[in-house]
């Protein structure tokens, strides 16, 4: 996520995938389609696709923010990081 008022201020969430399954994957995308698109079924489903769901586990967090090029070029931006 990037702060619209300051492109050097970002937040990241990182995790490891601990499980991948096809169980309830279609139901999950249909639930999201209903919530965000107002449609009962996901409208962009293709007959040849197989949908999967993943479950993630935490790998911890860091206070340094990003290792993006912007931070390497502008180290002073680190002083504005989210604490």
Protein backbone atom coordinates (compact mmCIF):
# COMPACT_ATOMS: atom_id res chain seq x y z
CA UNK A 1 0.00 0.00 0.00
CA UNK A 2 1.24 3.46 -0.83
CA UNK A 3 0.26 6.67 0.95
CA UNK A 4 -1.32 8.85 -1.79
CA UNK A 5 0.14 11.97 -0.14
CA UNK A 6 3.69 10.57 0.05
CA UNK A 7 4.85 7.94 -2.43
CA UNK A 8 7.83 7.07 -0.20
CA UNK A 9 5.57 6.02 2.68
CA UNK A 10 4.40 2.45 2.22
CA UNK A 11 3.15 -0.54 4.16
CA UNK A 12 3.76 -4.18 3.23
CA UNK A 13 2.38 -7.48 4.42
CA UNK A 14 4.41 -10.60 3.67
CA UNK A 15 3.58 -14.21 4.38
CA UNK A 16 4.35 -17.77 3.32
CA UNK A 17 1.82 -19.98 1.57
CA UNK A 18 1.21 -22.98 3.81
CA UNK A 19 -1.62 -24.68 1.90
CA UNK A 20 -3.08 -24.65 -1.62
CA UNK A 21 -6.41 -26.35 -2.34
CA UNK A 22 -9.29 -26.40 -4.82
CA UNK A 23 -11.82 -27.05 -2.03
CA UNK A 24 -14.37 -24.19 -1.85
CA UNK A 25 -12.30 -22.09 -4.28
CA UNK A 26 -15.27 -21.51 -6.61
CA UNK A 27 -17.52 -20.67 -3.67
CA UNK A 28 -14.98 -18.14 -2.40
CA UNK A 29 -14.73 -16.27 -5.71
CA UNK A 30 -18.54 -16.28 -6.02
CA UNK A 31 -18.80 -14.79 -2.51
CA UNK A 32 -16.34 -12.03 -3.48
CA UNK A 33 -18.23 -11.39 -6.75
CA UNK A 34 -21.44 -10.95 -4.80
CA UNK A 35 -19.82 -8.58 -2.32
CA UNK A 36 -17.80 -6.44 -4.75
CA UNK A 37 -19.56 -6.84 -8.10
CA UNK A 38 -23.15 -7.39 -6.97
CA UNK A 39 -23.35 -10.63 -8.98
CA UNK A 40 -24.28 -14.11 -7.72
CA UNK A 41 -21.55 -15.86 -9.75
CA UNK A 42 -18.08 -14.65 -10.74
CA UNK A 43 -18.73 -13.34 -14.27
CA UNK A 44 -15.22 -13.81 -15.71
CA UNK A 45 -14.89 -17.56 -15.10
CA UNK A 46 -13.56 -19.55 -18.06
CA UNK A 47 -14.41 -23.22 -18.65
CA UNK A 48 -10.73 -24.22 -18.92
CA UNK A 49 -9.59 -22.69 -15.61
CA UNK A 50 -9.18 -24.37 -12.26
CA UNK A 51 -9.47 -22.04 -9.29
CA UNK A 52 -7.38 -22.59 -6.16
CA UNK A 53 -7.36 -21.08 -2.68
CA UNK A 54 -4.27 -20.56 -0.58
CA UNK A 55 -3.76 -20.24 3.14
CA UNK A 56 -0.90 -18.14 4.44
CA UNK A 57 1.15 -18.13 7.61
CA UNK A 58 2.93 -15.17 9.12
CA UNK A 59 6.67 -14.72 8.65
CA UNK A 60 6.90 -11.71 10.94
CA UNK A 61 7.25 -8.05 10.21
CA UNK A 62 10.06 -5.57 9.89
CA UNK A 63 10.28 -1.89 10.69
CA UNK A 64 12.39 -1.01 7.67
CA UNK A 65 9.53 -0.89 5.16
CA UNK A 66 10.54 -1.58 1.58
CA UNK A 67 13.77 -2.40 -0.18
CA UNK A 68 12.38 -0.68 -3.26
CA UNK A 69 14.46 1.51 -5.49
CA UNK A 70 12.78 4.61 -4.06
CA UNK A 71 14.08 3.83 -0.56
CA UNK A 72 17.57 3.09 -1.81
CA UNK A 73 17.65 6.40 -3.69
CA UNK A 74 16.02 8.43 -0.89
CA UNK A 75 17.06 7.02 2.51
CA UNK A 76 15.66 10.10 4.25
CA UNK A 77 12.19 8.81 3.38
CA UNK A 78 12.67 6.09 6.00
CA UNK A 79 12.15 8.70 8.71
CA UNK A 80 8.48 8.97 7.59
CA UNK A 81 7.78 5.25 7.80
CA UNK A 82 4.74 3.94 9.63
CA UNK A 83 5.68 2.88 13.16
